[in-house]
Amino acid sequence: MAGVMDAVNQRTQLVGQNRLELLLFRLDGPQLYGINVFKVREVLQCPKLTMIPKSHPVVCGVANIRGATIPILDLAMATGSGPLQDQSSPFVIITEYNTKTQGFLVRSVERIVNMNWEDIHPPPKGAGRDHYLTAVTRLDEQLVEIIDVEKVLAEVSPSPETISQGVIDVETQARALSLRVLTVDDSSVARKQVARCLQTVGVEVISLNDGRQALDYLRNMAGEGKDPAE
């Protein structure tokens, strides 16, 4: 498995290319899933887990990995499919989101693929609002479902979406009322979290899905003679 992650650091240098890397994996069954490599720290065979009393149902336990105690979440169960059935030789994907480190239990890990954002599409409209997908794509004639990890974590361990009193002084908050911030993230949950946090201090927020949308937005502003910095 070391071979899968050998080039992660190099392959996440995609700034300005409107591309992303996906780590492909499977839960139960043949369906292929993806997760953004940019937020993956490492992949390893599932280590010994220690159960934690009264933990969230999707938390399988905690593992000691390189001296750190990391919670391990059953990703199949977290996305509504029930507990992972095939745990004969599962893997753990260690990730970092919102300054938190956690592992996701999966049945198998396939490979890393480099995708163009133009090939990434929103989830089908008929999927409703309760799904855990941030996008879908096709690879070798197979549908790949890209997991919205931020949504999973928001349900298991919610992060505060407001700024604590005393962090922002009166002068800073007054200045914030004149600011407009462009945020870009493929997760709708992440976009909403950032927007709510900024809006609590009066910042105007424009939220977009990816770098291409952001570039088009800025180009349109420039074409209309507007200064994006103002």
C-alpha atoms as a PDB file:
ATOM      1  CA  MET A   1       0.000   0.000   0.000  1.00  0.00           C
ATOM      2  CA  ALA A   2       3.002   2.273   0.405  1.00  0.00           C
ATOM      3  CA  GLY A   3       3.179   2.402  -3.379  1.00  0.00           C
ATOM      4  CA  VAL A   4      -0.271   3.987  -3.587  1.00  0.00           C
ATOM      5  CA  MET A   5       0.781   6.945  -1.462  1.00  0.00           C
ATOM      6  CA  ASP A   6       4.421   7.357  -2.525  1.00  0.00           C
ATOM      7  CA  ALA A   7       3.661  10.260  -4.844  1.00  0.00           C
ATOM      8  CA  VAL A   8       0.820  11.954  -2.943  1.00  0.00           C
ATOM      9  CA  ASN A   9       2.848  15.043  -2.043  1.00  0.00           C
ATOM     10  CA  GLN A  10       3.936  15.568  -5.644  1.00  0.00           C
ATOM     11  CA  ARG A  11       0.557  14.791  -7.136  1.00  0.00           C
ATOM     12  CA  THR A  12      -1.335  17.306  -5.032  1.00  0.00           C
ATOM     13  CA  GLN A  13       0.582  20.204  -6.585  1.00  0.00           C
ATOM     14  CA  LEU A  14      -2.301  20.995  -8.934  1.00  0.00           C
ATOM     15  CA  VAL A  15      -2.704  24.720  -8.371  1.00  0.00           C
ATOM     16  CA  GLY A  16      -3.796  26.508 -11.539  1.00  0.00           C
ATOM     17  CA  GLN A  17      -4.504  23.302 -13.455  1.00  0.00           C
ATOM     18  CA  ASN A  18      -8.190  22.882 -12.498  1.00  0.00           C
ATOM     19  CA  ARG A  19      -7.530  19.226 -11.791  1.00  0.00           C
ATOM     20  CA  LEU A  20      -7.859  17.016  -8.766  1.00  0.00           C
ATOM     21  CA  GLU A  21      -6.565  13.668  -7.624  1.00  0.00           C
ATOM     22  CA  LEU A  22      -8.956  11.043  -6.336  1.00  0.00           C
ATOM     23  CA  LEU A  23      -8.067   8.086  -4.164  1.00  0.00           C
ATOM     24  CA  LEU A  24     -10.386   5.288  -5.279  1.00  0.00           C
ATOM     25  CA  PHE A  25     -11.701   2.718  -2.823  1.00  0.00           C
ATOM     26  CA  ARG A  26     -14.551   0.291  -2.227  1.00  0.00           C
ATOM     27  CA  LEU A  27     -16.855  -0.374   0.678  1.00  0.00           C
ATOM     28  CA  ASP A  28     -19.140  -3.426   0.502  1.00  0.00           C
ATOM     29  CA  GLY A  29     -19.998  -4.424  -3.051  1.00  0.00           C
ATOM     30  CA  PRO A  30     -18.532  -3.411  -6.418  1.00  0.00           C
ATOM     31  CA  GLN A  31     -19.345   0.322  -6.267  1.00  0.00           C
ATOM     32  CA  LEU A  32     -16.274   2.529  -6.665  1.00  0.00           C
ATOM     33  CA  TYR A  33     -15.887   5.592  -4.437  1.00  0.00           C
ATOM     34  CA  GLY A  34     -13.448   8.497  -4.444  1.00  0.00           C
ATOM     35  CA  ILE A  35     -11.971  10.932  -1.949  1.00  0.00           C
ATOM     36  CA  ASN A  36      -9.840  14.001  -2.660  1.00  0.00           C
ATOM     37  CA  VAL A  37      -6.162  13.053  -2.245  1.00  0.00           C
ATOM     38  CA  PHE A  38      -5.361  16.571  -1.074  1.00  0.00           C
ATOM     39  CA  LYS A  39      -6.876  15.727   2.303  1.00  0.00           C
ATOM     40  CA  VAL A  40      -5.439  12.212   2.610  1.00  0.00           C
ATOM     41  CA  ARG A  41      -2.447  11.798   4.890  1.00  0.00           C
ATOM     42  CA  GLU A  42      -1.797   8.087   4.473  1.00  0.00           C
ATOM     43  CA  VAL A  43      -3.372   4.697   3.795  1.00  0.00           C
ATOM     44  CA  LEU A  44      -2.638   1.616   5.860  1.00  0.00           C
ATOM     45  CA  GLN A  45      -3.946  -1.786   6.800  1.00  0.00           C
ATOM     46  CA  CYS A  46      -6.400  -1.393   9.649  1.00  0.00           C
ATOM     47  CA  PRO A  47      -4.470  -1.559  12.944  1.00  0.00           C
ATOM     48  CA  LYS A  48      -5.806  -2.878  16.235  1.00  0.00           C
ATOM     49  CA  LEU A  49      -8.709  -0.762  17.448  1.00  0.00           C
ATOM     50  CA  THR A  50      -9.683   0.121  21.003  1.00  0.00           C
ATOM     51  CA  MET A  51     -13.371   0.684  21.670  1.00  0.00           C
ATOM     52  CA  ILE A  52     -14.461   3.925  23.332  1.00  0.00           C
ATOM     53  CA  PRO A  53     -17.560   3.797  25.589  1.00  0.00           C
ATOM     54  CA  LYS A  54     -20.499   5.981  24.515  1.00  0.00           C
ATOM     55  CA  SER A  55     -18.811   7.006  21.263  1.00  0.00           C
ATOM     56  CA  HIS A  56     -20.811   7.771  18.124  1.00  0.00           C
ATOM     57  CA  PRO A  57     -22.215   4.574  16.514  1.00  0.00           C
ATOM     58  CA  VAL A  58     -20.091   4.989  13.364  1.00  0.00           C
ATOM     59  CA  VAL A  59     -16.853   5.177  15.377  1.00  0.00           C
ATOM     60  CA  CYS A  60     -15.304   1.693  15.311  1.00  0.00           C
ATOM     61  CA  GLY A  61     -12.739   2.657  17.919  1.00  0.00           C
ATOM     62  CA  VAL A  62      -9.445   4.493  18.147  1.00  0.00           C
ATOM     63  CA  ALA A  63      -6.028   3.469  16.863  1.00  0.00           C
ATOM     64  CA  ASN A  64      -2.558   4.486  17.949  1.00  0.00           C
ATOM     65  CA  ILE A  65      -0.834   5.581  14.753  1.00  0.00           C
ATOM     66  CA  ARG A  66       2.660   7.065  14.943  1.00  0.00           C
ATOM     67  CA  GLY A  67       2.097   8.083  18.546  1.00  0.00           C
ATOM     68  CA  ALA A  68      -1.264   9.761  17.928  1.00  0.00           C
ATOM     69  CA  THR A  69      -4.667   8.460  19.019  1.00  0.00           C
ATOM     70  CA  ILE A  70      -6.940   8.654  15.979  1.00  0.00           C
ATOM     71  CA  PRO A  71     -10.667   7.834  15.806  1.00  0.00           C
ATOM     72  CA  ILE A  72     -11.609   5.354  13.083  1.00  0.00           C
ATOM     73  CA  LEU A  73     -15.012   5.744  11.416  1.00  0.00           C
ATOM     74  CA  ASP A  74     -16.877   3.039   9.522  1.00  0.00           C
ATOM     75  CA  LEU A  75     -17.447   4.932   6.265  1.00  0.00           C
ATOM     76  CA  ALA A  76     -20.055   2.462   5.009  1.00  0.00           C
ATOM     77  CA  MET A  77     -22.142   2.951   8.132  1.00  0.00           C
ATOM     78  CA  ALA A  78     -21.544   6.709   8.167  1.00  0.00           C
ATOM     79  CA  THR A  79     -22.988   7.031   4.664  1.00  0.00           C
ATOM     80  CA  GLY A  80     -26.121   5.069   5.500  1.00  0.00           C
ATOM     81  CA  SER A  81     -25.229   1.644   4.101  1.00  0.00           C
ATOM     82  CA  GLY A  82     -24.921  -0.189   7.408  1.00  0.00           C
ATOM     83  CA  PRO A  83     -21.717  -1.490   9.030  1.00  0.00           C
ATOM     84  CA  LEU A  84     -18.926  -2.672   6.738  1.00  0.00           C
ATOM     85  CA  GLN A  85     -19.567  -6.390   6.263  1.00  0.00           C
ATOM     86  CA  ASP A  86     -16.276  -7.586   4.795  1.00  0.00           C
ATOM     87  CA  GLN A  87     -13.683  -6.812   7.465  1.00  0.00           C
ATOM     88  CA  SER A  88     -11.317  -9.681   6.699  1.00  0.00           C
ATOM     89  CA  SER A  89      -8.484  -7.321   5.729  1.00  0.00           C
ATOM     90  CA  PRO A  90      -9.818  -3.749   5.718  1.00  0.00           C
ATOM     91  CA  PHE A  91      -7.835  -0.580   5.157  1.00  0.00           C
ATOM     92  CA  VAL A  92      -7.912   2.772   6.890  1.00  0.00           C
ATOM     93  CA  ILE A  93      -7.661   6.078   5.026  1.00  0.00           C
ATOM     94  CA  ILE A  94      -6.173   8.682   7.371  1.00  0.00           C
ATOM     95  CA  THR A  95      -7.435  12.171   6.541  1.00  0.00           C
ATOM     96  CA  GLU A  96      -7.261  15.735   7.806  1.00  0.00           C
ATOM     97  CA  TYR A  97     -10.375  17.924   7.694  1.00  0.00           C
ATOM     98  CA  ASN A  98     -11.066  21.128   9.614  1.00  0.00           C
ATOM     99  CA  THR A  99      -7.848  20.678  11.627  1.00  0.00           C
ATOM    100  CA  LYS A 100      -9.063  17.245  12.777  1.00  0.00           C
ATOM    101  CA  THR A 101      -7.413  13.931  11.974  1.00  0.00           C
ATOM    102  CA  GLN A 102      -9.480  10.767  11.594  1.00  0.00           C
ATOM    103  CA  GLY A 103      -9.428   7.476   9.746  1.00  0.00           C
ATOM    104  CA  PHE A 104     -12.086   5.937   7.519  1.00  0.00           C
ATOM    105  CA  LEU A 105     -12.508   2.175   7.474  1.00  0.00           C
ATOM    106  CA  VAL A 106     -12.929   0.792   3.922  1.00  0.00           C
ATOM    107  CA  ARG A 107     -12.841  -2.687   2.404  1.00  0.00           C
ATOM    108  CA  SER A 108     -10.164  -2.028  -0.203  1.00  0.00           C
ATOM    109  CA  VAL A 109      -8.138   0.764  -1.772  1.00  0.00           C
ATOM    110  CA  GLU A 110      -7.665   0.775  -5.537  1.00  0.00           C
ATOM    111  CA  ARG A 111      -5.440   3.552  -6.910  1.00  0.00           C
ATOM    112  CA  ILE A 112      -5.040   7.295  -7.403  1.00  0.00           C
ATOM    113  CA  VAL A 113      -6.380   8.922 -10.569  1.00  0.00           C
ATOM    114  CA  ASN A 114      -5.858  12.409 -11.969  1.00  0.00           C
ATOM    115  CA  MET A 115      -9.128  13.980 -13.115  1.00  0.00           C
ATOM    116  CA  ASN A 116     -10.094  17.186 -14.893  1.00  0.00           C
ATOM    117  CA  TRP A 117     -12.752  19.200 -13.088  1.00  0.00           C
ATOM    118  CA  GLU A 118     -14.716  19.287 -16.340  1.00  0.00           C
ATOM    119  CA  ASP A 119     -15.274  15.544 -15.887  1.00  0.00           C
ATOM    120  CA  ILE A 120     -16.640  15.994 -12.366  1.00  0.00           C
ATOM    121  CA  HIS A 121     -20.412  16.404 -12.200  1.00  0.00           C
ATOM    122  CA  PRO A 122     -22.973  17.179  -9.487  1.00  0.00           C
ATOM    123  CA  PRO A 123     -24.841  14.219  -7.976  1.00  0.00           C
ATOM    124  CA  PRO A 124     -27.994  13.220  -9.887  1.00  0.00           C
ATOM    125  CA  LYS A 125     -30.924  15.483  -9.039  1.00  0.00           C
ATOM    126  CA  GLY A 126     -33.043  12.467  -8.155  1.00  0.00           C
ATOM    127  CA  ALA A 127     -30.644  11.570  -5.342  1.00  0.00           C
ATOM    128  CA  GLY A 128     -32.420  13.953  -2.970  1.00  0.00           C
ATOM    129  CA  ARG A 129     -30.746  15.959  -0.206  1.00  0.00           C
ATOM    130  CA  ASP A 130     -29.810  13.184   2.192  1.00  0.00           C
ATOM    131  CA  HIS A 131     -27.062  11.580   0.113  1.00  0.00           C
ATOM    132  CA  TYR A 132     -23.383  11.763   1.037  1.00  0.00           C
ATOM    133  CA  LEU A 133     -22.015  12.633  -2.386  1.00  0.00           C
ATOM    134  CA  THR A 134     -20.244  15.807  -3.337  1.00  0.00           C
ATOM    135  CA  ALA A 135     -19.950  14.785  -6.998  1.00  0.00           C
ATOM    136  CA  VAL A 136     -19.791  11.883  -9.442  1.00  0.00           C
ATOM    137  CA  THR A 137     -17.563  11.029 -12.379  1.00  0.00           C
ATOM    138  CA  ARG A 138     -16.947   8.145 -14.764  1.00  0.00           C
ATOM    139  CA  LEU A 139     -13.783   6.111 -15.097  1.00  0.00           C
ATOM    140  CA  ASP A 140     -13.371   3.180 -17.484  1.00  0.00           C
ATOM    141  CA  GLU A 141     -17.144   3.192 -18.057  1.00  0.00           C
ATOM    142  CA  GLN A 142     -17.781   2.878 -14.324  1.00  0.00           C
ATOM    143  CA  LEU A 143     -19.519   5.424 -12.126  1.00  0.00           C
ATOM    144  CA  VAL A 144     -17.358   6.822  -9.319  1.00  0.00           C
ATOM    145  CA  GLU A 145     -19.173   8.382  -6.373  1.00  0.00           C
ATOM    146  CA  ILE A 146     -17.145  11.080  -4.612  1.00  0.00           C
ATOM    147  CA  ILE A 147     -17.886  11.132  -0.896  1.00  0.00           C
ATOM    148  CA  ASP A 148     -18.704  14.411   0.851  1.00  0.00           C
ATOM    149  CA  VAL A 149     -16.500  13.749   3.868  1.00  0.00           C
ATOM    150  CA  GLU A 150     -17.307  17.129   5.396  1.00  0.00           C
ATOM    151  CA  LYS A 151     -20.956  16.089   5.627  1.00  0.00           C
ATOM    152  CA  VAL A 152     -20.013  12.834   7.347  1.00  0.00           C
ATOM    153  CA  LEU A 153     -17.856  14.659   9.884  1.00  0.00           C
ATOM    154  CA  ALA A 154     -20.458  17.382  10.426  1.00  0.00           C
ATOM    155  CA  GLU A 155     -22.886  14.688  11.570  1.00  0.00           C
ATOM    156  CA  VAL A 156     -20.408  12.723  13.682  1.00  0.00           C
ATOM    157  CA  SER A 157     -18.416  15.579  15.206  1.00  0.00           C
ATOM    158  CA  PRO A 158     -19.858  19.001  14.303  1.00  0.00           C
ATOM    159  CA  SER A 159     -17.501  21.970  14.155  1.00  0.00           C
ATOM    160  CA  PRO A 160     -18.557  25.392  15.488  1.00  0.00           C
ATOM    161  CA  GLU A 161     -19.743  27.723  12.742  1.00  0.00           C
ATOM    162  CA  THR A 162     -19.639  30.953  14.710  1.00  0.00           C
ATOM    163  CA  ILE A 163     -16.809  33.130  15.945  1.00  0.00           C
ATOM    164  CA  SER A 164     -16.393  33.291  19.711  1.00  0.00           C
ATOM    165  CA  GLN A 165     -17.095  36.586  21.404  1.00  0.00           C
ATOM    166  CA  GLY A 166     -13.940  38.551  22.027  1.00  0.00           C
ATOM    167  CA  VAL A 167     -12.060  37.115  19.050  1.00  0.00           C
ATOM    168  CA  ILE A 168     -13.155  39.970  16.784  1.00  0.00           C
ATOM    169  CA  ASP A 169     -12.893  43.499  18.159  1.00  0.00           C
ATOM    170  CA  VAL A 170     -15.239  46.348  17.241  1.00  0.00           C
ATOM    171  CA  GLU A 171     -12.827  47.901  14.740  1.00  0.00           C
ATOM    172  CA  THR A 172     -12.256  44.616  12.911  1.00  0.00           C
ATOM    173  CA  GLN A 173     -15.967  43.855  12.756  1.00  0.00           C
ATOM    174  CA  ALA A 174     -16.695  47.318  11.359  1.00  0.00           C
ATOM    175  CA  ARG A 175     -14.100  46.738   8.645  1.00  0.00           C
ATOM    176  CA  ALA A 176     -15.571  43.293   7.912  1.00  0.00           C
ATOM    177  CA  LEU A 177     -18.836  44.916   6.842  1.00  0.00           C
ATOM    178  CA  SER A 178     -17.052  46.301   3.782  1.00  0.00           C
ATOM    179  CA  LEU A 179     -15.405  43.022   2.783  1.00  0.00           C
ATOM    180  CA  ARG A 180     -16.451  40.509   0.163  1.00  0.00           C
ATOM    181  CA  VAL A 181     -14.857  37.050   0.197  1.00  0.00           C
ATOM    182  CA  LEU A 182     -14.852  34.429  -2.549  1.00  0.00           C
ATOM    183  CA  THR A 183     -14.779  30.873  -1.179  1.00  0.00           C
ATOM    184  CA  VAL A 184     -14.308  27.754  -3.297  1.00  0.00           C
ATOM    185  CA  ASP A 185     -14.911  24.169  -2.183  1.00  0.00           C
ATOM    186  CA  ASP A 186     -16.437  21.089  -3.786  1.00  0.00           C
ATOM    187  CA  SER A 187     -18.334  20.236  -0.592  1.00  0.00           C
ATOM    188  CA  SER A 188     -21.619  22.076  -0.084  1.00  0.00           C
ATOM    189  CA  VAL A 189     -21.302  21.459   3.657  1.00  0.00           C
ATOM    190  CA  ALA A 190     -17.838  23.036   3.762  1.00  0.00           C
ATOM    191  CA  ARG A 191     -19.047  26.037   1.754  1.00  0.00           C
ATOM    192  CA  LYS A 192     -21.937  26.578   4.151  1.00  0.00           C
ATOM    193  CA  GLN A 193     -19.682  26.232   7.199  1.00  0.00           C
ATOM    194  CA  VAL A 194     -17.264  28.865   5.917  1.00  0.00           C
ATOM    195  CA  ALA A 195     -20.071  31.168   4.786  1.00  0.00           C
ATOM    196  CA  ARG A 196     -21.898  31.036   8.126  1.00  0.00           C
ATOM    197  CA  CYS A 197     -18.705  31.762  10.026  1.00  0.00           C
ATOM    198  CA  LEU A 198     -17.846  34.793   7.887  1.00  0.00           C
ATOM    199  CA  GLN A 199     -21.399  36.076   7.769  1.00  0.00           C
ATOM    200  CA  THR A 200     -21.586  36.226  11.564  1.00  0.00           C
ATOM    201  CA  VAL A 201     -19.173  39.176  11.414  1.00  0.00           C
ATOM    202  CA  GLY A 202     -20.860  40.793   8.429  1.00  0.00           C
ATOM    203  CA  VAL A 203     -18.611  39.650   5.580  1.00  0.00           C
ATOM    204  CA  GLU A 204     -20.317  39.245   2.207  1.00  0.00           C
ATOM    205  CA  VAL A 205     -19.623  35.733   0.897  1.00  0.00           C
ATOM    206  CA  ILE A 206     -19.656  34.378  -2.648  1.00  0.00           C
ATOM    207  CA  SER A 207     -19.450  30.567  -2.656  1.00  0.00           C
ATOM    208  CA  LEU A 208     -18.470  28.532  -5.723  1.00  0.00           C
ATOM    209  CA  ASN A 209     -17.827  24.841  -6.364  1.00  0.00           C
ATOM    210  CA  ASP A 210     -14.427  24.737  -8.064  1.00  0.00           C
ATOM    211  CA  GLY A 211     -11.518  26.677  -9.499  1.00  0.00           C
ATOM    212  CA  ARG A 212     -13.039  26.898 -12.978  1.00  0.00           C
ATOM    213  CA  GLN A 213     -16.173  28.573 -11.634  1.00  0.00           C
ATOM    214  CA  ALA A 214     -14.037  30.944  -9.570  1.00  0.00           C
ATOM    215  CA  LEU A 215     -11.866  31.859 -12.561  1.00  0.00           C
ATOM    216  CA  ASP A 216     -14.922  32.456 -14.752  1.00  0.00           C
ATOM    217  CA  TYR A 217     -16.464  34.618 -12.026  1.00  0.00           C
ATOM    218  CA  LEU A 218     -13.346  36.777 -11.747  1.00  0.00           C
ATOM    219  CA  ARG A 219     -13.002  37.044 -15.525  1.00  0.00           C
ATOM    220  CA  ASN A 220     -16.614  38.182 -15.815  1.00  0.00           C
ATOM    221  CA  MET A 221     -15.990  40.846 -13.198  1.00  0.00           C
ATOM    222  CA  ALA A 222     -12.920  42.034 -15.079  1.00  0.00           C
ATOM    223  CA  GLY A 223     -14.882  42.026 -18.339  1.00  0.00           C
ATOM    224  CA  GLU A 224     -17.472  44.292 -16.735  1.00  0.00           C
ATOM    225  CA  GLY A 225     -14.744  46.675 -15.626  1.00  0.00           C
ATOM    226  CA  LYS A 226     -15.024  45.718 -11.960  1.00  0.00           C
ATOM    227  CA  ASP A 227     -12.023  45.304  -9.687  1.00  0.00           C
ATOM    228  CA  PRO A 228     -12.266  41.961  -7.799  1.00  0.00           C
ATOM    229  CA  ALA A 229     -10.158  43.466  -5.015  1.00  0.00           C
ATOM    230  CA  GLU A 230     -12.718  46.162  -4.274  1.00  0.00           C
END
